[in-house]
PDB file of N, CA and C in Angstrom:
ATOM      1  N   MET A   1      43.215 204.779 207.153  1.00  0.00           N
ATOM      2  CA  MET A   1      43.462 203.488 207.689  1.00  0.00           C
ATOM      3  C   MET A   1      45.236 203.414 207.602  1.00  0.00           C
ATOM      4  N   LYS A   2      45.370 202.876 209.415  1.00  0.00           N
ATOM      5  CA  LYS A   2      46.952 202.723 209.271  1.00  0.00           C
ATOM      6  C   LYS A   2      47.695 201.383 208.027  1.00  0.00           C
ATOM      7  N   PRO A   3      48.729 202.144 208.212  1.00  0.00           N
ATOM      8  CA  PRO A   3      49.609 200.344 206.927  1.00  0.00           C
ATOM      9  C   PRO A   3      49.548 199.521 208.168  1.00  0.00           C
ATOM     10  N   VAL A   4      50.115 198.399 207.292  1.00  0.00           N
ATOM     11  CA  VAL A   4      50.383 197.122 208.155  1.00  0.00           C
ATOM     12  C   VAL A   4      51.311 196.597 207.909  1.00  0.00           C
ATOM     13  N   ILE A   5      52.252 196.538 209.232  1.00  0.00           N
ATOM     14  CA  ILE A   5      53.241 195.731 209.449  1.00  0.00           C
ATOM     15  C   ILE A   5      53.153 194.408 209.870  1.00  0.00           C
ATOM     16  N   PHE A   6      53.796 193.311 209.095  1.00  0.00           N
ATOM     17  CA  PHE A   6      53.666 191.558 209.254  1.00  0.00           C
ATOM     18  C   PHE A   6      55.156 191.959 210.256  1.00  0.00           C
ATOM     19  N   CYS A   7      55.454 190.800 211.152  1.00  0.00           N
ATOM     20  CA  CYS A   7      56.025 190.597 211.924  1.00  0.00           C
ATOM     21  C   CYS A   7      56.575 188.891 211.971  1.00  0.00           C
ATOM     22  N   LEU A   8      57.314 188.294 210.893  1.00  0.00           N
ATOM     23  CA  LEU A   8      57.617 186.891 211.165  1.00  0.00           C
ATOM     24  C   LEU A   8      58.430 186.505 212.477  1.00  0.00           C
ATOM     25  N   GLU A   9      58.361 185.923 213.198  1.00  0.00           N
ATOM     26  CA  GLU A   9      59.287 185.661 214.842  1.00  0.00           C
ATOM     27  C   GLU A   9      58.864 184.453 215.461  1.00  0.00           C
ATOM     28  N   ASP A  10      59.598 183.110 215.544  1.00  0.00           N
ATOM     29  CA  ASP A  10      58.964 182.508 216.193  1.00  0.00           C
ATOM     30  C   ASP A  10      59.052 182.367 217.598  1.00  0.00           C
ATOM     31  N   PHE A  11      60.460 182.821 218.196  1.00  0.00           N
ATOM     32  CA  PHE A  11      60.720 182.955 219.242  1.00  0.00           C
ATOM     33  C   PHE A  11      60.137 183.857 220.262  1.00  0.00           C
ATOM     34  N   GLU A  12      59.467 183.446 221.102  1.00  0.00           N
ATOM     35  CA  GLU A  12      58.285 184.119 221.660  1.00  0.00           C
ATOM     36  C   GLU A  12      59.412 185.123 222.879  1.00  0.00           C
ATOM     37  N   MET A  13      60.875 185.210 223.397  1.00  0.00           N
ATOM     38  CA  MET A  13      61.128 186.276 223.517  1.00  0.00           C
ATOM     39  C   MET A  13      61.850 187.578 222.691  1.00  0.00           C
ATOM     40  N   HIS A  14      62.032 186.539 221.550  1.00  0.00           N
ATOM     41  CA  HIS A  14      62.678 187.795 220.537  1.00  0.00           C
ATOM     42  C   HIS A  14      61.616 188.335 219.945  1.00  0.00           C
ATOM     43  N   ARG A  15      60.296 187.855 220.137  1.00  0.00           N
ATOM     44  CA  ARG A  15      59.057 188.722 219.419  1.00  0.00           C
ATOM     45  C   ARG A  15      58.976 189.757 220.212  1.00  0.00           C
ATOM     46  N   PHE A  16      58.717 189.543 221.853  1.00  0.00           N
ATOM     47  CA  PHE A  16      58.533 190.345 222.970  1.00  0.00           C
ATOM     48  C   PHE A  16      59.343 191.365 222.489  1.00  0.00           C
ATOM     49  N   VAL A  17      60.715 191.227 222.738  1.00  0.00           N
ATOM     50  CA  VAL A  17      61.618 192.570 222.856  1.00  0.00           C
ATOM     51  C   VAL A  17      61.417 193.249 220.940  1.00  0.00           C
ATOM     52  N   LEU A  18      61.224 192.459 220.137  1.00  0.00           N
ATOM     53  CA  LEU A  18      60.614 193.347 218.494  1.00  0.00           C
ATOM     54  C   LEU A  18      59.440 193.559 219.205  1.00  0.00           C
ATOM     55  N   GLU A  19      58.644 193.611 219.839  1.00  0.00           N
ATOM     56  CA  GLU A  19      57.517 194.460 219.954  1.00  0.00           C
ATOM     57  C   GLU A  19      57.211 195.365 221.097  1.00  0.00           C
ATOM     58  N   THR A  20      58.508 195.364 221.618  1.00  0.00           N
ATOM     59  CA  THR A  20      58.534 196.839 222.721  1.00  0.00           C
ATOM     60  C   THR A  20      59.470 197.862 221.982  1.00  0.00           C
ATOM     61  N   HIS A  21      60.085 197.450 220.980  1.00  0.00           N
ATOM     62  CA  HIS A  21      61.046 198.257 220.250  1.00  0.00           C
ATOM     63  C   HIS A  21      59.871 198.912 219.178  1.00  0.00           C
ATOM     64  N   LEU A  22      59.416 198.053 218.399  1.00  0.00           N
ATOM     65  CA  LEU A  22      58.304 198.785 217.347  1.00  0.00           C
ATOM     66  C   LEU A  22      57.403 199.473 217.962  1.00  0.00           C
ATOM     67  N   ASN A  23      56.948 199.277 219.316  1.00  0.00           N
ATOM     68  CA  ASN A  23      55.836 200.067 219.983  1.00  0.00           C
ATOM     69  C   ASN A  23      56.218 201.465 220.014  1.00  0.00           C
ATOM     70  N   ARG A  24      57.971 201.199 221.067  1.00  0.00           N
ATOM     71  CA  ARG A  24      58.458 202.513 220.821  1.00  0.00           C
ATOM     72  C   ARG A  24      58.769 203.328 219.801  1.00  0.00           C
ATOM     73  N   LEU A  25      59.241 202.795 218.577  1.00  0.00           N
ATOM     74  CA  LEU A  25      59.205 203.332 217.290  1.00  0.00           C
ATOM     75  C   LEU A  25      58.289 203.518 216.574  1.00  0.00           C
ATOM     76  N   LEU A  26      56.902 202.983 216.595  1.00  0.00           N
ATOM     77  CA  LEU A  26      56.027 203.165 215.646  1.00  0.00           C
ATOM     78  C   LEU A  26      54.935 204.091 216.354  1.00  0.00           C
ATOM     79  N   GLN A  27      54.964 204.381 217.285  1.00  0.00           N
ATOM     80  CA  GLN A  27      54.100 205.202 218.060  1.00  0.00           C
ATOM     81  C   GLN A  27      52.783 205.473 217.578  1.00  0.00           C
ATOM     82  N   ASN A  28      52.018 203.889 217.495  1.00  0.00           N
ATOM     83  CA  ASN A  28      50.908 203.549 217.154  1.00  0.00           C
ATOM     84  C   ASN A  28      50.347 204.008 215.811  1.00  0.00           C
ATOM     85  N   LYS A  29      51.502 204.604 214.914  1.00  0.00           N
ATOM     86  CA  LYS A  29      51.564 204.531 213.327  1.00  0.00           C
ATOM     87  C   LYS A  29      51.020 203.522 212.299  1.00  0.00           C
ATOM     88  N   ALA A  30      51.025 202.391 212.540  1.00  0.00           N
ATOM     89  CA  ALA A  30      51.154 200.928 212.207  1.00  0.00           C
ATOM     90  C   ALA A  30      50.443 200.085 212.703  1.00  0.00           C
ATOM     91  N   GLU A  31      49.734 199.235 212.453  1.00  0.00           N
ATOM     92  CA  GLU A  31      48.843 197.956 212.762  1.00  0.00           C
ATOM     93  C   GLU A  31      50.368 196.979 212.722  1.00  0.00           C
ATOM     94  N   VAL A  32      50.704 196.145 213.552  1.00  0.00           N
ATOM     95  CA  VAL A  32      51.565 195.480 213.615  1.00  0.00           C
ATOM     96  C   VAL A  32      50.822 193.915 213.526  1.00  0.00           C
ATOM     97  N   ARG A  33      51.256 192.709 212.905  1.00  0.00           N
ATOM     98  CA  ARG A  33      50.597 191.475 212.776  1.00  0.00           C
ATOM     99  C   ARG A  33      52.035 190.640 212.921  1.00  0.00           C
ATOM    100  N   TYR A  34      51.519 189.757 213.914  1.00  0.00           N
ATOM    101  CA  TYR A  34      52.543 188.797 214.391  1.00  0.00           C
ATOM    102  C   TYR A  34      52.627 187.125 213.692  1.00  0.00           C
ATOM    103  N   PHE A  35      53.694 186.995 213.372  1.00  0.00           N
ATOM    104  CA  PHE A  35      53.118 185.762 212.756  1.00  0.00           C
ATOM    105  C   PHE A  35      54.190 184.675 213.708  1.00  0.00           C
ATOM    106  N   ARG A  36      53.648 183.317 213.896  1.00  0.00           N
ATOM    107  CA  ARG A  36      54.858 182.627 214.393  1.00  0.00           C
ATOM    108  C   ARG A  36      55.761 181.251 213.086  1.00  0.00           C
ATOM    109  N   SER A  37      55.560 181.189 211.877  1.00  0.00           N
ATOM    110  CA  SER A  37      55.654 180.102 211.221  1.00  0.00           C
ATOM    111  C   SER A  37      55.630 181.048 209.492  1.00  0.00           C
ATOM    112  N   LEU A  38      56.437 180.307 209.279  1.00  0.00           N
ATOM    113  CA  LEU A  38      56.297 180.869 207.343  1.00  0.00           C
ATOM    114  C   LEU A  38      54.867 180.777 206.592  1.00  0.00           C
ATOM    115  N   GLY A  39      54.623 179.298 207.153  1.00  0.00           N
ATOM    116  CA  GLY A  39      53.244 178.724 206.791  1.00  0.00           C
ATOM    117  C   GLY A  39      52.197 179.360 207.117  1.00  0.00           C
ATOM    118  N   GLN A  40      51.944 180.035 208.459  1.00  0.00           N
ATOM    119  CA  GLN A  40      51.046 180.864 208.849  1.00  0.00           C
ATOM    120  C   GLN A  40      51.241 181.914 208.219  1.00  0.00           C
ATOM    121  N   LEU A  41      52.214 182.690 207.697  1.00  0.00           N
ATOM    122  CA  LEU A  41      52.142 183.838 207.107  1.00  0.00           C
ATOM    123  C   LEU A  41      51.184 183.786 205.758  1.00  0.00           C
ATOM    124  N   LYS A  42      51.813 182.740 205.241  1.00  0.00           N
ATOM    125  CA  LYS A  42      51.535 182.502 203.266  1.00  0.00           C
ATOM    126  C   LYS A  42      50.063 182.313 203.577  1.00  0.00           C
ATOM    127  N   ALA A  43      49.600 181.530 204.423  1.00  0.00           N
ATOM    128  CA  ALA A  43      48.399 180.881 204.494  1.00  0.00           C
ATOM    129  C   ALA A  43      47.186 182.293 205.389  1.00  0.00           C
ATOM    130  N   SER A  44      48.044 183.470 205.681  1.00  0.00           N
ATOM    131  CA  SER A  44      47.078 184.263 206.156  1.00  0.00           C
ATOM    132  C   SER A  44      46.556 184.845 205.143  1.00  0.00           C
ATOM    133  N   GLY A  45      47.041 185.209 203.608  1.00  0.00           N
ATOM    134  CA  GLY A  45      46.574 186.027 202.508  1.00  0.00           C
ATOM    135  C   GLY A  45      46.041 187.275 202.638  1.00  0.00           C
ATOM    136  N   SER A  46      46.767 188.019 203.425  1.00  0.00           N
ATOM    137  CA  SER A  46      46.622 189.260 203.598  1.00  0.00           C
ATOM    138  C   SER A  46      47.772 190.185 203.286  1.00  0.00           C
ATOM    139  N   THR A  47      47.590 191.069 202.997  1.00  0.00           N
ATOM    140  CA  THR A  47      48.590 191.756 202.725  1.00  0.00           C
ATOM    141  C   THR A  47      49.329 193.012 203.597  1.00  0.00           C
ATOM    142  N   CYS A  48      50.622 193.552 202.989  1.00  0.00           N
ATOM    143  CA  CYS A  48      50.865 194.243 204.249  1.00  0.00           C
ATOM    144  C   CYS A  48      51.762 195.521 203.381  1.00  0.00           C
ATOM    145  N   GLN A  49      52.259 196.246 204.506  1.00  0.00           N
ATOM    146  CA  GLN A  49      53.210 197.617 203.787  1.00  0.00           C
ATOM    147  C   GLN A  49      54.694 197.031 203.937  1.00  0.00           C
ATOM    148  N   LEU A  50      54.914 196.625 204.609  1.00  0.00           N
ATOM    149  CA  LEU A  50      56.448 195.966 205.092  1.00  0.00           C
ATOM    150  C   LEU A  50      56.275 194.662 205.907  1.00  0.00           C
ATOM    151  N   LEU A  51      57.254 193.916 205.403  1.00  0.00           N
ATOM    152  CA  LEU A  51      57.207 192.810 206.627  1.00  0.00           C
ATOM    153  C   LEU A  51      58.871 192.530 207.176  1.00  0.00           C
ATOM    154  N   ILE A  52      58.768 192.615 208.553  1.00  0.00           N
ATOM    155  CA  ILE A  52      60.064 192.288 209.399  1.00  0.00           C
ATOM    156  C   ILE A  52      60.112 190.827 209.722  1.00  0.00           C
ATOM    157  N   SER A  53      61.177 190.089 209.165  1.00  0.00           N
ATOM    158  CA  SER A  53      61.311 188.843 209.084  1.00  0.00           C
ATOM    159  C   SER A  53      62.688 188.255 209.875  1.00  0.00           C
ATOM    160  N   ASP A  54      62.672 187.478 210.831  1.00  0.00           N
ATOM    161  CA  ASP A  54      63.922 186.382 210.977  1.00  0.00           C
ATOM    162  C   ASP A  54      63.784 185.853 209.675  1.00  0.00           C
ATOM    163  N   LEU A  55      65.441 185.269 209.786  1.00  0.00           N
ATOM    164  CA  LEU A  55      65.492 183.941 209.070  1.00  0.00           C
ATOM    165  C   LEU A  55      64.879 182.205 209.300  1.00  0.00           C
ATOM    166  N   ASN A  56      65.531 182.259 210.722  1.00  0.00           N
ATOM    167  CA  ASN A  56      65.248 180.994 210.922  1.00  0.00           C
ATOM    168  C   ASN A  56      63.772 180.598 212.097  1.00  0.00           C
ATOM    169  N   VAL A  57      63.042 179.951 211.041  1.00  0.00           N
ATOM    170  CA  VAL A  57      62.089 179.919 212.056  1.00  0.00           C
ATOM    171  C   VAL A  57      61.453 178.472 212.228  1.00  0.00           C
ATOM    172  N   GLY A  58      60.369 178.339 212.922  1.00  0.00           N
ATOM    173  CA  GLY A  58      60.354 177.179 213.132  1.00  0.00           C
ATOM    174  C   GLY A  58      60.383 176.041 212.314  1.00  0.00           C
ATOM    175  N   ASP A  59      59.429 176.195 210.903  1.00  0.00           N
ATOM    176  CA  ASP A  59      59.291 175.352 209.867  1.00  0.00           C
ATOM    177  C   ASP A  59      59.527 175.683 208.388  1.00  0.00           C
ATOM    178  N   SER A  60      60.677 176.508 208.532  1.00  0.00           N
ATOM    179  CA  SER A  60      61.346 176.928 207.479  1.00  0.00           C
ATOM    180  C   SER A  60      63.170 176.883 207.821  1.00  0.00           C
ATOM    181  N   LYS A  61      64.021 176.116 207.270  1.00  0.00           N
ATOM    182  CA  LYS A  61      65.216 176.598 207.628  1.00  0.00           C
ATOM    183  C   LYS A  61      65.831 177.911 206.864  1.00  0.00           C
ATOM    184  N   ALA A  62      67.148 178.769 207.229  1.00  0.00           N
ATOM    185  CA  ALA A  62      67.060 180.138 206.850  1.00  0.00           C
ATOM    186  C   ALA A  62      66.987 180.479 205.569  1.00  0.00           C
ATOM    187  N   GLU A  63      68.069 179.191 204.486  1.00  0.00           N
ATOM    188  CA  GLU A  63      67.934 179.187 203.199  1.00  0.00           C
ATOM    189  C   GLU A  63      66.484 179.153 202.563  1.00  0.00           C
ATOM    190  N   ASN A  64      66.086 178.333 203.030  1.00  0.00           N
ATOM    191  CA  ASN A  64      64.011 178.486 202.467  1.00  0.00           C
ATOM    192  C   ASN A  64      63.555 180.377 202.594  1.00  0.00           C
ATOM    193  N   THR A  65      63.822 180.071 203.988  1.00  0.00           N
ATOM    194  CA  THR A  65      63.030 181.510 204.354  1.00  0.00           C
ATOM    195  C   THR A  65      63.858 182.800 203.547  1.00  0.00           C
ATOM    196  N   ALA A  66      64.806 182.775 203.162  1.00  0.00           N
ATOM    197  CA  ALA A  66      65.231 183.721 202.169  1.00  0.00           C
ATOM    198  C   ALA A  66      65.140 183.515 200.935  1.00  0.00           C
ATOM    199  N   LYS A  67      64.631 182.480 200.341  1.00  0.00           N
ATOM    200  CA  LYS A  67      64.308 182.609 198.909  1.00  0.00           C
ATOM    201  C   LYS A  67      62.557 183.393 199.344  1.00  0.00           C
ATOM    202  N   PHE A  68      61.739 183.064 199.704  1.00  0.00           N
ATOM    203  CA  PHE A  68      60.956 183.483 200.354  1.00  0.00           C
ATOM    204  C   PHE A  68      60.731 184.870 200.210  1.00  0.00           C
ATOM    205  N   LEU A  69      61.703 185.600 201.293  1.00  0.00           N
ATOM    206  CA  LEU A  69      61.974 187.096 201.189  1.00  0.00           C
ATOM    207  C   LEU A  69      61.901 187.665 199.932  1.00  0.00           C
ATOM    208  N   LEU A  70      63.092 186.525 199.237  1.00  0.00           N
ATOM    209  CA  LEU A  70      63.791 187.624 197.949  1.00  0.00           C
ATOM    210  C   LEU A  70      62.619 187.730 197.111  1.00  0.00           C
ATOM    211  N   GLN A  71      61.553 186.690 196.977  1.00  0.00           N
ATOM    212  CA  GLN A  71      60.404 186.796 196.579  1.00  0.00           C
ATOM    213  C   GLN A  71      59.394 187.878 196.686  1.00  0.00           C
ATOM    214  N   TYR A  72      58.907 187.840 198.050  1.00  0.00           N
ATOM    215  CA  TYR A  72      58.239 188.327 198.691  1.00  0.00           C
ATOM    216  C   TYR A  72      58.213 190.217 198.670  1.00  0.00           C
ATOM    217  N   SER A  73      59.949 190.495 198.831  1.00  0.00           N
ATOM    218  CA  SER A  73      60.631 191.722 198.650  1.00  0.00           C
ATOM    219  C   SER A  73      60.172 192.516 197.111  1.00  0.00           C
ATOM    220  N   GLU A  74      59.849 191.797 196.079  1.00  0.00           N
ATOM    221  CA  GLU A  74      59.479 192.493 194.286  1.00  0.00           C
ATOM    222  C   GLU A  74      57.901 192.778 194.535  1.00  0.00           C
ATOM    223  N   HIS A  75      57.320 192.684 195.513  1.00  0.00           N
ATOM    224  CA  HIS A  75      56.174 193.490 195.717  1.00  0.00           C
ATOM    225  C   HIS A  75      56.030 194.444 197.582  1.00  0.00           C
ATOM    226  N   THR A  76      56.559 193.680 198.003  1.00  0.00           N
ATOM    227  CA  THR A  76      56.829 194.843 199.783  1.00  0.00           C
ATOM    228  C   THR A  76      58.304 194.828 200.102  1.00  0.00           C
ATOM    229  N   PRO A  77      57.956 195.988 200.804  1.00  0.00           N
ATOM    230  CA  PRO A  77      60.190 195.917 201.653  1.00  0.00           C
ATOM    231  C   PRO A  77      60.070 195.061 202.736  1.00  0.00           C
ATOM    232  N   VAL A  78      60.955 194.836 202.803  1.00  0.00           N
ATOM    233  CA  VAL A  78      61.484 193.572 203.874  1.00  0.00           C
ATOM    234  C   VAL A  78      62.286 194.157 204.889  1.00  0.00           C
ATOM    235  N   ILE A  79      62.708 193.669 205.637  1.00  0.00           N
ATOM    236  CA  ILE A  79      63.731 193.832 206.872  1.00  0.00           C
ATOM    237  C   ILE A  79      63.611 192.948 207.403  1.00  0.00           C
ATOM    238  N   ILE A  80      65.154 192.739 207.394  1.00  0.00           N
ATOM    239  CA  ILE A  80      65.393 191.423 207.755  1.00  0.00           C
ATOM    240  C   ILE A  80      66.580 191.453 209.182  1.00  0.00           C
ATOM    241  N   GLN A  81      65.732 190.717 210.425  1.00  0.00           N
ATOM    242  CA  GLN A  81      66.181 191.048 211.692  1.00  0.00           C
ATOM    243  C   GLN A  81      66.634 189.766 212.009  1.00  0.00           C
ATOM    244  N   SER A  82      67.801 189.254 212.035  1.00  0.00           N
ATOM    245  CA  SER A  82      68.513 188.156 212.348  1.00  0.00           C
ATOM    246  C   SER A  82      69.907 188.472 213.009  1.00  0.00           C
ATOM    247  N   SER A  83      70.526 187.393 213.892  1.00  0.00           N
ATOM    248  CA  SER A  83      71.528 187.399 214.390  1.00  0.00           C
ATOM    249  C   SER A  83      72.877 186.676 213.402  1.00  0.00           C
ATOM    250  N   ASP A  84      72.145 185.785 212.502  1.00  0.00           N
ATOM    251  CA  ASP A  84      73.251 185.665 211.107  1.00  0.00           C
ATOM    252  C   ASP A  84      73.920 186.404 210.792  1.00  0.00           C
ATOM    253  N   PRO A  85      75.245 186.044 210.624  1.00  0.00           N
ATOM    254  CA  PRO A  85      75.734 187.751 210.449  1.00  0.00           C
ATOM    255  C   PRO A  85      76.213 187.523 208.807  1.00  0.00           C
ATOM    256  N   ILE A  86      76.002 186.940 208.318  1.00  0.00           N
ATOM    257  CA  ILE A  86      76.468 186.505 206.708  1.00  0.00           C
ATOM    258  C   ILE A  86      75.218 186.792 205.939  1.00  0.00           C
ATOM    259  N   LEU A  87      74.138 185.971 206.069  1.00  0.00           N
ATOM    260  CA  LEU A  87      72.860 185.964 204.795  1.00  0.00           C
ATOM    261  C   LEU A  87      72.063 187.071 205.080  1.00  0.00           C
ATOM    262  N   PRO A  88      71.775 188.359 206.112  1.00  0.00           N
ATOM    263  CA  PRO A  88      70.888 189.221 205.966  1.00  0.00           C
ATOM    264  C   PRO A  88      71.659 190.348 204.962  1.00  0.00           C
ATOM    265  N   GLU A  89      72.991 190.439 204.956  1.00  0.00           N
ATOM    266  CA  GLU A  89      74.232 191.339 203.959  1.00  0.00           C
ATOM    267  C   GLU A  89      73.731 190.325 202.438  1.00  0.00           C
ATOM    268  N   GLN A  90      73.811 189.433 202.042  1.00  0.00           N
ATOM    269  CA  GLN A  90      73.712 189.050 201.686  1.00  0.00           C
ATOM    270  C   GLN A  90      72.355 189.010 200.080  1.00  0.00           C
ATOM    271  N   LEU A  91      71.325 189.124 201.054  1.00  0.00           N
ATOM    272  CA  LEU A  91      69.832 189.592 200.509  1.00  0.00           C
ATOM    273  C   LEU A  91      70.188 190.968 200.434  1.00  0.00           C
ATOM    274  N   GLU A  92      70.508 191.447 201.297  1.00  0.00           N
ATOM    275  CA  GLU A  92      70.348 193.278 201.502  1.00  0.00           C
ATOM    276  C   GLU A  92      71.094 193.325 199.940  1.00  0.00           C
ATOM    277  N   LEU A  93      71.957 192.723 199.615  1.00  0.00           N
ATOM    278  CA  LEU A  93      72.956 193.099 198.001  1.00  0.00           C
ATOM    279  C   LEU A  93      72.042 192.791 196.887  1.00  0.00           C
ATOM    280  N   GLN A  94      71.379 191.433 197.381  1.00  0.00           N
ATOM    281  CA  GLN A  94      70.403 190.807 196.061  1.00  0.00           C
ATOM    282  C   GLN A  94      69.747 191.668 195.513  1.00  0.00           C
ATOM    283  N   ALA A  95      68.759 192.872 196.801  1.00  0.00           N
ATOM    284  CA  ALA A  95      67.952 192.936 196.493  1.00  0.00           C
ATOM    285  C   ALA A  95      67.907 194.242 197.202  1.00  0.00           C
ATOM    286  N   PRO A  96      68.909 195.269 196.568  1.00  0.00           N
ATOM    287  CA  PRO A  96      69.072 196.452 197.025  1.00  0.00           C
ATOM    288  C   PRO A  96      67.834 197.613 196.687  1.00  0.00           C
ATOM    289  N   GLY A  97      67.194 198.106 198.090  1.00  0.00           N
ATOM    290  CA  GLY A  97      66.190 198.951 197.944  1.00  0.00           C
ATOM    291  C   GLY A  97      64.866 198.535 198.613  1.00  0.00           C
ATOM    292  N   ARG A  98      64.934 196.790 198.956  1.00  0.00           N
ATOM    293  CA  ARG A  98      63.936 196.277 198.747  1.00  0.00           C
ATOM    294  C   ARG A  98      64.119 195.427 200.031  1.00  0.00           C
ATOM    295  N   ILE A  99      65.338 195.043 200.468  1.00  0.00           N
ATOM    296  CA  ILE A  99      65.487 194.511 201.498  1.00  0.00           C
ATOM    297  C   ILE A  99      66.599 195.166 202.753  1.00  0.00           C
ATOM    298  N   GLN A 100      66.437 195.253 203.673  1.00  0.00           N
ATOM    299  CA  GLN A 100      67.210 195.780 204.331  1.00  0.00           C
ATOM    300  C   GLN A 100      67.658 194.326 205.341  1.00  0.00           C
ATOM    301  N   ALA A 101      68.844 194.677 205.974  1.00  0.00           N
ATOM    302  CA  ALA A 101      69.494 193.419 207.070  1.00  0.00           C
ATOM    303  C   ALA A 101      69.547 194.836 208.617  1.00  0.00           C
ATOM    304  N   ALA A 102      68.689 194.469 209.444  1.00  0.00           N
ATOM    305  CA  ALA A 102      69.103 195.057 211.023  1.00  0.00           C
ATOM    306  C   ALA A 102      69.540 194.292 212.001  1.00  0.00           C
ATOM    307  N   GLU A 103      69.496 194.738 213.240  1.00  0.00           N
ATOM    308  CA  GLU A 103      70.196 194.119 214.003  1.00  0.00           C
ATOM    309  C   GLU A 103      68.537 193.139 214.470  1.00  0.00           C
ATOM    310  N   LYS A 104      68.769 192.264 215.434  1.00  0.00           N
ATOM    311  CA  LYS A 104      67.982 191.232 215.705  1.00  0.00           C
ATOM    312  C   LYS A 104      66.898 192.030 216.745  1.00  0.00           C
ATOM    313  N   GLY A 105      65.857 191.891 217.177  1.00  0.00           N
ATOM    314  CA  GLY A 105      64.888 192.076 217.953  1.00  0.00           C
ATOM    315  C   GLY A 105      64.924 193.494 218.084  1.00  0.00           C
ATOM    316  N   GLY A 106      65.190 194.328 216.813  1.00  0.00           N
ATOM    317  CA  GLY A 106      64.825 195.643 216.818  1.00  0.00           C
ATOM    318  C   GLY A 106      65.770 196.246 217.462  1.00  0.00           C
ATOM    319  N   GLN A 107      66.969 195.942 217.940  1.00  0.00           N
ATOM    320  CA  GLN A 107      67.846 196.274 218.902  1.00  0.00           C
ATOM    321  C   GLN A 107      69.021 196.898 218.629  1.00  0.00           C
ATOM    322  N   GLY A 108      68.487 198.141 218.109  1.00  0.00           N
ATOM    323  CA  GLY A 108      70.314 198.893 217.178  1.00  0.00           C
ATOM    324  C   GLY A 108      69.786 199.863 216.309  1.00  0.00           C
ATOM    325  N   GLN A 109      70.913 200.185 215.410  1.00  0.00           N
ATOM    326  CA  GLN A 109      70.575 201.787 214.902  1.00  0.00           C
ATOM    327  C   GLN A 109      69.988 201.483 212.990  1.00  0.00           C
ATOM    328  N   ARG A 110      70.492 200.570 213.073  1.00  0.00           N
ATOM    329  CA  ARG A 110      70.086 199.965 211.281  1.00  0.00           C
ATOM    330  C   ARG A 110      68.958 199.630 211.239  1.00  0.00           C
ATOM    331  N   PHE A 111      68.400 198.944 212.337  1.00  0.00           N
ATOM    332  CA  PHE A 111      66.841 198.625 212.534  1.00  0.00           C
ATOM    333  C   PHE A 111      65.573 199.991 212.536  1.00  0.00           C
ATOM    334  N   LYS A 112      66.634 201.024 213.746  1.00  0.00           N
ATOM    335  CA  LYS A 112      66.184 201.860 213.561  1.00  0.00           C
ATOM    336  C   LYS A 112      66.041 203.348 212.641  1.00  0.00           C
ATOM    337  N   GLU A 113      66.665 202.544 212.139  1.00  0.00           N
ATOM    338  CA  GLU A 113      66.451 203.701 210.619  1.00  0.00           C
ATOM    339  C   GLU A 113      65.399 203.165 210.095  1.00  0.00           C
ATOM    340  N   ALA A 114      65.583 201.944 209.766  1.00  0.00           N
ATOM    341  CA  ALA A 114      64.778 201.020 208.460  1.00  0.00           C
ATOM    342  C   ALA A 114      63.294 201.595 208.810  1.00  0.00           C
ATOM    343  N   ILE A 115      62.749 201.661 210.405  1.00  0.00           N
ATOM    344  CA  ILE A 115      61.518 201.676 210.768  1.00  0.00           C
ATOM    345  C   ILE A 115      61.448 203.259 210.520  1.00  0.00           C
ATOM    346  N   GLU A 116      62.360 203.800 210.642  1.00  0.00           N
ATOM    347  CA  GLU A 116      62.179 205.586 210.399  1.00  0.00           C
ATOM    348  C   GLU A 116      61.799 205.785 208.950  1.00  0.00           C
ATOM    349  N   GLU A 117      63.067 205.431 208.298  1.00  0.00           N
ATOM    350  CA  GLU A 117      62.401 205.371 206.409  1.00  0.00           C
ATOM    351  C   GLU A 117      61.029 204.831 206.149  1.00  0.00           C
ATOM    352  N   PHE A 118      60.799 203.676 206.706  1.00  0.00           N
ATOM    353  CA  PHE A 118      59.360 203.621 206.974  1.00  0.00           C
ATOM    354  C   PHE A 118      58.232 204.483 207.367  1.00  0.00           C
ATOM    355  N   ILE A 119      58.453 205.074 208.105  1.00  0.00           N
ATOM    356  CA  ILE A 119      57.424 205.982 208.565  1.00  0.00           C
ATOM    357  C   ILE A 119      57.666 207.601 207.552  1.00  0.00           C
ATOM    358  N   SER A 120      58.671 207.704 207.610  1.00  0.00           N
ATOM    359  CA  SER A 120      58.699 209.008 206.383  1.00  0.00           C
ATOM    360  C   SER A 120      57.709 208.418 205.427  1.00  0.00           C
ATOM    361  N   LYS A 121      58.203 207.118 204.838  1.00  0.00           N
ATOM    362  CA  LYS A 121      57.392 207.413 203.503  1.00  0.00           C
ATOM    363  C   LYS A 121      56.002 207.090 203.726  1.00  0.00           C
ATOM    364  N   ILE A 122      55.598 206.831 204.711  1.00  0.00           N
ATOM    365  CA  ILE A 122      54.010 206.072 205.361  1.00  0.00           C
ATOM    366  C   ILE A 122      53.359 208.065 205.378  1.00  0.00           C
ATOM    367  N   ALA A 123      54.516 208.850 206.131  1.00  0.00           N
ATOM    368  CA  ALA A 123      53.522 209.844 205.845  1.00  0.00           C
ATOM    369  C   ALA A 123      53.491 210.656 204.884  1.00  0.00           C
ATOM    370  N   VAL A 124      54.080 210.395 204.102  1.00  0.00           N
ATOM    371  CA  VAL A 124      54.680 211.432 202.485  1.00  0.00           C
ATOM    372  C   VAL A 124      53.181 211.014 201.796  1.00  0.00           C
ATOM    373  N   THR A 125      52.822 209.468 201.776  1.00  0.00           N
ATOM    374  CA  THR A 125      51.580 209.268 200.905  1.00  0.00           C
ATOM    375  C   THR A 125      50.534 209.389 201.655  1.00  0.00           C
TER     376      THR A 125
END
């Protein structure tokens, strides 16, 4: 069974770019499920092995999403892909090894390295 990755991204263009980069990086090694709102993600009742999240989504301000991500990272690794220059880095410092800050839309070296690290961990298990 493939590992499951949840992606929280409400903006269609960012979601498309993220999906494009994930398809290239994952090469069908994981199942990816997309959510447009924090409420939708919470209501799913499903679990995942990795959460990739934006901070600003339609139903949640960045600060509220950040609180949720800190709690979520206690049991699931989180990659924050955001254009916010400060908050993702702060969250990464608050939850080292559990939260990684990366470039928006999966477009950058930090995002690539975070996904490659995830793939290497699932390959071992």
